Protein backbone atom coordinates (compact mmCIF):
# COMPACT_ATOMS: atom_id res chain seq x y z
CA MET A 1 130.47 46.51 106.14
CA PRO A 2 129.61 49.92 104.70
CA ARG A 3 129.55 52.69 107.24
CA ARG A 4 126.21 54.23 108.05
CA PRO A 5 125.94 57.96 107.28
CA ARG A 6 126.59 60.05 110.36
CA ARG A 7 123.51 61.83 111.67
CA PRO A 8 123.84 65.63 111.86
CA HIS A 9 124.55 67.04 115.27
CA ARG A 10 121.38 68.63 116.62
CA LEU A 11 121.48 71.45 119.12
CA HIS A 12 118.49 72.81 120.98
CA ALA A 13 117.89 76.51 121.40
CA PRO A 14 115.38 77.98 123.83
CA PRO A 15 112.29 79.42 122.16
CA PRO A 16 112.57 83.19 121.67
CA ARG A 17 110.36 85.51 123.64
CA ARG A 18 108.49 87.89 121.41
CA ILE A 19 105.61 90.26 122.00
CA VAL A 20 103.08 89.90 119.20
CA LEU A 21 100.08 92.21 118.95
CA PRO A 22 96.85 90.36 118.11
CA TRP A 23 95.49 90.97 114.64
CA PRO A 24 94.02 93.40 113.55
CA LEU A 25 95.47 95.71 116.21
CA PRO A 26 98.71 96.37 114.20
CA ALA A 27 96.65 97.42 111.18
CA VAL A 28 94.41 99.68 113.27
CA LEU A 29 97.42 101.39 114.87
CA VAL A 30 99.11 102.02 111.50
CA TRP A 31 95.88 103.30 109.93
CA ALA A 32 95.33 105.64 112.90
CA ALA A 33 98.88 106.97 112.61
CA ALA A 34 98.41 107.61 108.88
CA TRP A 35 95.14 109.44 109.44
CA LEU A 36 96.60 111.54 112.27
CA LEU A 37 99.50 112.58 110.05
CA PHE A 38 97.17 113.33 107.16
CA ALA A 39 94.91 115.43 109.37
CA GLY A 40 97.87 117.32 110.77
CA LEU A 41 99.29 118.11 107.35
CA ARG A 42 96.00 118.91 105.65
CA GLY A 43 95.75 122.62 105.01
CA SER A 44 99.48 123.24 105.43
CA VAL A 45 100.83 121.27 102.46
CA ALA A 46 99.54 120.25 99.04
CA PRO A 47 96.93 117.44 99.08
CA LEU A 48 99.17 115.11 97.07
CA ALA A 49 102.08 115.67 99.48
CA ALA A 50 99.86 115.03 102.51
CA LEU A 51 98.53 111.87 100.89
CA GLY A 52 102.02 110.67 99.98
CA LEU A 53 103.41 111.14 103.48
CA ALA A 54 100.43 109.42 105.08
CA CYS A 55 100.70 106.55 102.60
CA ALA A 56 104.39 106.27 103.43
CA VAL A 57 103.42 105.65 107.06
CA GLY A 58 101.19 102.78 105.94
CA VAL A 59 103.88 101.26 103.73
CA ALA A 60 106.49 101.53 106.50
CA GLY A 61 104.08 99.96 108.97
CA SER A 62 103.43 97.08 106.59
CA LEU A 63 107.07 96.01 106.96
CA LEU A 64 106.31 94.83 110.48
CA ALA A 65 103.46 92.49 109.47
CA GLN A 66 103.75 88.78 108.71
CA GLY A 67 102.13 87.54 105.51
CA TRP A 68 101.57 89.30 102.21
CA TRP A 69 97.83 89.83 102.59
CA ARG A 70 98.31 91.54 105.96
CA ARG A 71 101.09 93.74 104.59
CA GLY A 72 98.95 94.75 101.64
CA LEU A 73 95.97 95.43 103.89
CA ILE A 74 98.02 97.66 106.17
CA ALA A 75 99.72 99.53 103.31
CA LEU A 76 96.56 100.11 101.27
CA GLY A 77 94.11 100.64 104.13
CA PHE A 78 94.61 104.38 104.45
CA PRO A 79 94.51 105.33 100.74
CA LEU A 80 91.46 103.12 100.14
CA SER A 81 89.58 104.62 103.08
CA ALA A 82 90.57 108.13 101.99
CA ALA A 83 89.34 107.44 98.45
CA LEU A 84 86.03 105.93 99.57
CA GLY A 85 85.44 108.66 102.12
CA GLY A 86 86.25 111.50 99.70
CA ALA A 87 88.79 112.97 102.14
CA VAL A 88 90.92 114.39 99.35
CA ALA A 89 90.25 115.28 95.73
CA LEU A 90 92.99 114.05 93.43
CA PRO A 91 93.29 113.28 89.72
CA ALA A 92 92.93 109.62 88.83
CA TRP A 93 96.69 109.15 88.45
CA GLY A 94 97.23 110.45 91.97
CA TRP A 95 95.93 107.19 93.44
CA LEU A 96 98.85 105.38 91.82
CA LEU A 97 101.08 106.92 94.50
CA PRO A 98 100.44 104.17 97.12
CA LEU A 99 101.28 101.49 94.54
CA ALA A 100 104.46 103.35 93.60
CA LEU A 101 105.51 103.42 97.24
CA LEU A 102 104.86 99.68 97.54
CA LEU A 103 106.98 98.97 94.47
CA LEU A 104 109.75 101.15 95.86
CA VAL A 105 109.92 99.13 99.06
CA TYR A 106 109.11 95.72 97.51
CA PRO A 107 110.81 95.67 94.07
CA LEU A 108 109.19 93.28 91.60
CA ASN A 109 112.38 91.39 90.80
CA ALA A 110 112.86 90.67 94.53
CA TRP A 111 109.49 88.93 94.82
CA ARG A 112 110.91 85.70 93.40
CA ASP A 113 113.11 85.54 96.53
CA ALA A 114 111.88 85.78 100.12
CA PRO A 115 110.32 89.30 100.02
CA LEU A 116 110.58 90.27 103.68
CA PHE A 117 110.60 87.65 106.41
CA PRO A 118 112.36 89.06 109.50
CA THR A 119 114.57 86.73 111.50
CA PRO A 120 112.83 86.23 114.88
CA PRO A 121 114.78 87.28 117.99
CA GLY A 122 116.81 84.39 119.36
CA ALA A 123 116.39 82.26 116.23
CA LEU A 124 120.18 81.85 115.84
CA HIS A 125 120.91 81.09 119.49
CA GLY A 126 123.70 78.51 119.65
CA LEU A 127 124.96 79.10 116.12
CA GLN A 128 128.40 80.10 117.35
CA ASP A 129 128.88 76.62 118.84
CA ALA A 130 127.68 74.74 115.76
CA ALA A 131 129.62 76.91 113.28
CA PRO A 132 132.61 78.42 115.13
CA LEU A 133 134.32 81.42 113.54
CA PRO A 134 137.55 83.25 114.43
CA ALA A 135 137.49 86.85 115.59
CA GLY A 136 137.23 89.22 112.65
CA ALA A 137 135.53 86.69 110.37
CA ALA A 138 133.44 88.14 107.53
CA VAL A 139 129.73 87.24 107.79
CA LEU A 140 127.12 88.09 105.15
CA ASP A 141 123.36 88.34 105.62
CA ALA A 142 122.21 87.80 102.03
CA GLY A 143 118.89 89.66 101.86
CA CYS A 144 119.13 91.53 105.15
CA GLY A 145 115.79 93.40 104.96
CA LEU A 146 115.41 95.63 108.00
CA GLY A 147 118.38 94.09 109.84
CA ASP A 148 116.80 91.50 112.13
CA GLY A 149 119.10 88.80 110.78
CA LEU A 150 122.14 91.03 111.28
CA LYS A 151 121.14 91.60 114.90
CA ALA A 152 120.81 87.85 115.46
CA LEU A 153 124.20 87.27 113.81
CA ARG A 154 125.78 89.97 115.96
CA ALA A 155 124.48 88.23 119.09
CA ALA A 156 126.08 84.97 117.90
CA TYR A 157 129.34 86.50 116.60
CA PRO A 158 130.07 89.77 118.44
CA GLN A 159 133.67 89.84 117.10
CA ALA A 160 132.73 89.24 113.45
CA ARG A 161 132.71 91.77 110.61
CA LEU A 162 129.05 91.83 109.60
CA HIS A 163 127.84 92.65 106.10
CA GLY A 164 124.28 93.07 104.82
CA LEU A 165 123.06 92.91 101.24
CA GLU A 166 119.55 94.07 100.30
CA TRP A 167 118.00 94.74 96.89
CA SER A 168 115.42 97.28 98.09
CA GLY A 169 116.99 100.73 98.47
CA PRO A 170 114.60 101.96 101.20
CA LEU A 171 115.05 98.76 103.20
CA ALA A 172 118.83 98.99 102.87
CA LEU A 173 118.71 102.57 104.15
CA LEU A 174 116.55 101.63 107.13
CA CYS A 175 118.82 98.67 107.83
CA ARG A 176 121.85 100.97 107.95
CA LEU A 177 120.08 103.13 110.50
CA ARG A 178 119.14 100.10 112.63
CA CYS A 179 122.53 98.40 112.30
CA PRO A 180 125.21 101.13 112.19
CA TRP A 181 127.85 98.58 113.27
CA ALA A 182 127.35 96.54 110.06
CA ARG A 183 128.33 97.34 106.49
CA VAL A 184 125.00 97.36 104.62
CA ARG A 185 124.71 98.03 100.92
CA ARG A 186 122.12 97.74 98.20
CA GLY A 187 122.75 94.92 95.77
CA ASP A 188 121.62 91.67 94.18
CA ILE A 189 122.47 88.65 96.33
CA TRP A 190 122.74 86.48 93.21
CA ALA A 191 125.13 88.82 91.40
CA THR A 192 127.39 89.39 94.42
CA ASP A 193 130.35 87.04 94.94
CA TRP A 194 130.10 85.08 98.21
CA GLY A 195 133.71 83.93 98.03
CA GLY A 196 135.04 86.56 100.44
CA TYR A 197 132.82 85.56 103.37
CA ASP A 198 133.45 83.01 106.11
CA LEU A 199 129.72 82.51 106.67
CA VAL A 200 126.70 83.34 104.54
CA TYR A 201 123.26 83.46 106.18
CA VAL A 202 120.02 83.25 104.19
CA PHE A 203 116.31 83.22 105.00
CA GLN A 204 114.89 82.32 101.60
CA ARG A 205 112.04 80.26 100.20
CA PRO A 206 112.16 76.48 99.61
CA GLU A 207 112.09 77.08 95.85
CA SER A 208 115.33 79.09 95.90
CA MET A 209 117.42 76.82 98.15
CA ALA A 210 118.81 74.79 95.24
CA ARG A 211 120.05 78.05 93.72
CA VAL A 212 121.59 79.04 97.07
CA ALA A 213 123.43 75.71 97.22
CA ALA A 214 124.70 76.02 93.65
CA LYS A 215 126.05 79.51 94.34
CA ALA A 216 127.74 78.40 97.57
CA ARG A 217 129.34 75.41 95.82
CA ALA A 218 130.67 77.62 93.01
CA GLU A 219 132.00 80.52 95.10
CA MET A 220 132.69 79.57 98.73
CA ALA A 221 135.96 77.94 99.82
CA PRO A 222 136.21 74.71 101.84
CA GLY A 223 135.73 75.25 105.55
CA ARG A 224 133.33 78.18 105.09
CA TRP A 225 129.74 78.00 106.36
CA LEU A 226 126.31 78.30 104.77
CA VAL A 227 123.44 78.85 107.22
CA SER A 228 119.75 78.77 106.30
CA LEU A 229 116.82 79.56 108.55
CA ALA A 230 113.74 77.34 108.19
CA PHE A 231 114.59 75.75 104.83
CA ALA A 232 117.15 73.04 104.10
CA VAL A 233 119.29 72.53 101.02
CA PRO A 234 117.43 69.79 99.14
CA GLY A 235 119.12 66.39 99.20
CA VAL A 236 122.13 67.48 101.29
CA CYS A 237 122.77 66.29 104.84
CA PRO A 238 123.64 69.29 107.08
CA SER A 239 126.71 69.51 109.29
CA ALA A 240 124.48 70.57 112.18
CA ARG A 241 120.96 71.66 112.91
CA LEU A 242 119.54 74.00 115.53
CA ASP A 243 115.98 73.58 116.73
CA SER A 244 114.70 77.13 116.54
CA PHE A 245 111.24 78.69 116.58
CA ALA A 246 107.71 77.50 115.85
CA GLY A 247 108.88 74.07 114.74
CA HIS A 248 111.37 75.46 112.23
CA ALA A 249 115.11 74.83 112.27
CA VAL A 250 118.44 76.45 111.43
CA TRP A 251 120.29 74.35 108.83
CA ILE A 252 124.10 74.57 108.95
CA TYR A 253 126.41 73.40 106.16
CA GLN A 254 130.19 73.47 106.05
CA LEU A 255 131.73 73.76 102.60
CA PRO A 256 132.32 71.91 100.41
CA LEU A 257 128.72 70.77 100.23
CA PRO A 258 128.58 66.98 99.94
CA ALA A 259 126.81 65.25 97.09
CA ASP A 260 123.07 64.78 97.39
CA GLY A 261 122.24 62.46 100.27
CA ALA A 262 125.85 62.11 101.43
CA ALA A 263 126.99 62.70 104.99
CA PRO A 264 129.18 65.76 105.72
CA HIS A 265 132.90 65.31 106.28
């Protein structure tokens, strides 16, 4: 009789504890901070400089929001209110500054990937048991953003050599400041070779998971690990699965990836 495919081992992780401010309180706090900075700088620096620094506060604050419409609302709230209220007189091109700051933080060619979805605290709890690594193993967070994924990986693998790769220059800089114990650099996750890493962690979109799988198949050696938060590789049975947060899961695959629908070795 043909053997039935083995079901993936499922581990349960406790739900993470996270303090979330009710909306729209985060937006109000960021807008207030931008206006306080603008008021403090007004009269001591050029109007365009004061506007740019206050807008930068809004853009930085938008990184902490979930969802694109909330991020846009937080980032553009101050410049729109300043324009409507006539708080500063600028040439027409001067109001392109907030959009330029947004493009600096959220590059257009990164929008086709997951733009900025931070890994929730505790989301990778139990990963070290499902995907064991030796001390000194090289671990890559492909698209590390502000470093939340690197912090979760460090909690799971305190003896690993952690690497972060982020396309946005400002985000990579902030990630270095938040994660000085990791090697973070700016780069394209699709152009960088994954072959030198023992584990690659991604938090992508469902549409890009087939591309993630193809890259892992082409570049990662047998025995290495591919870990995805929330989204599975289509048609591939995982080696293990962690129940994580808000009904999502952590999908764990050991290379080589089996054929579509096949059970892992």
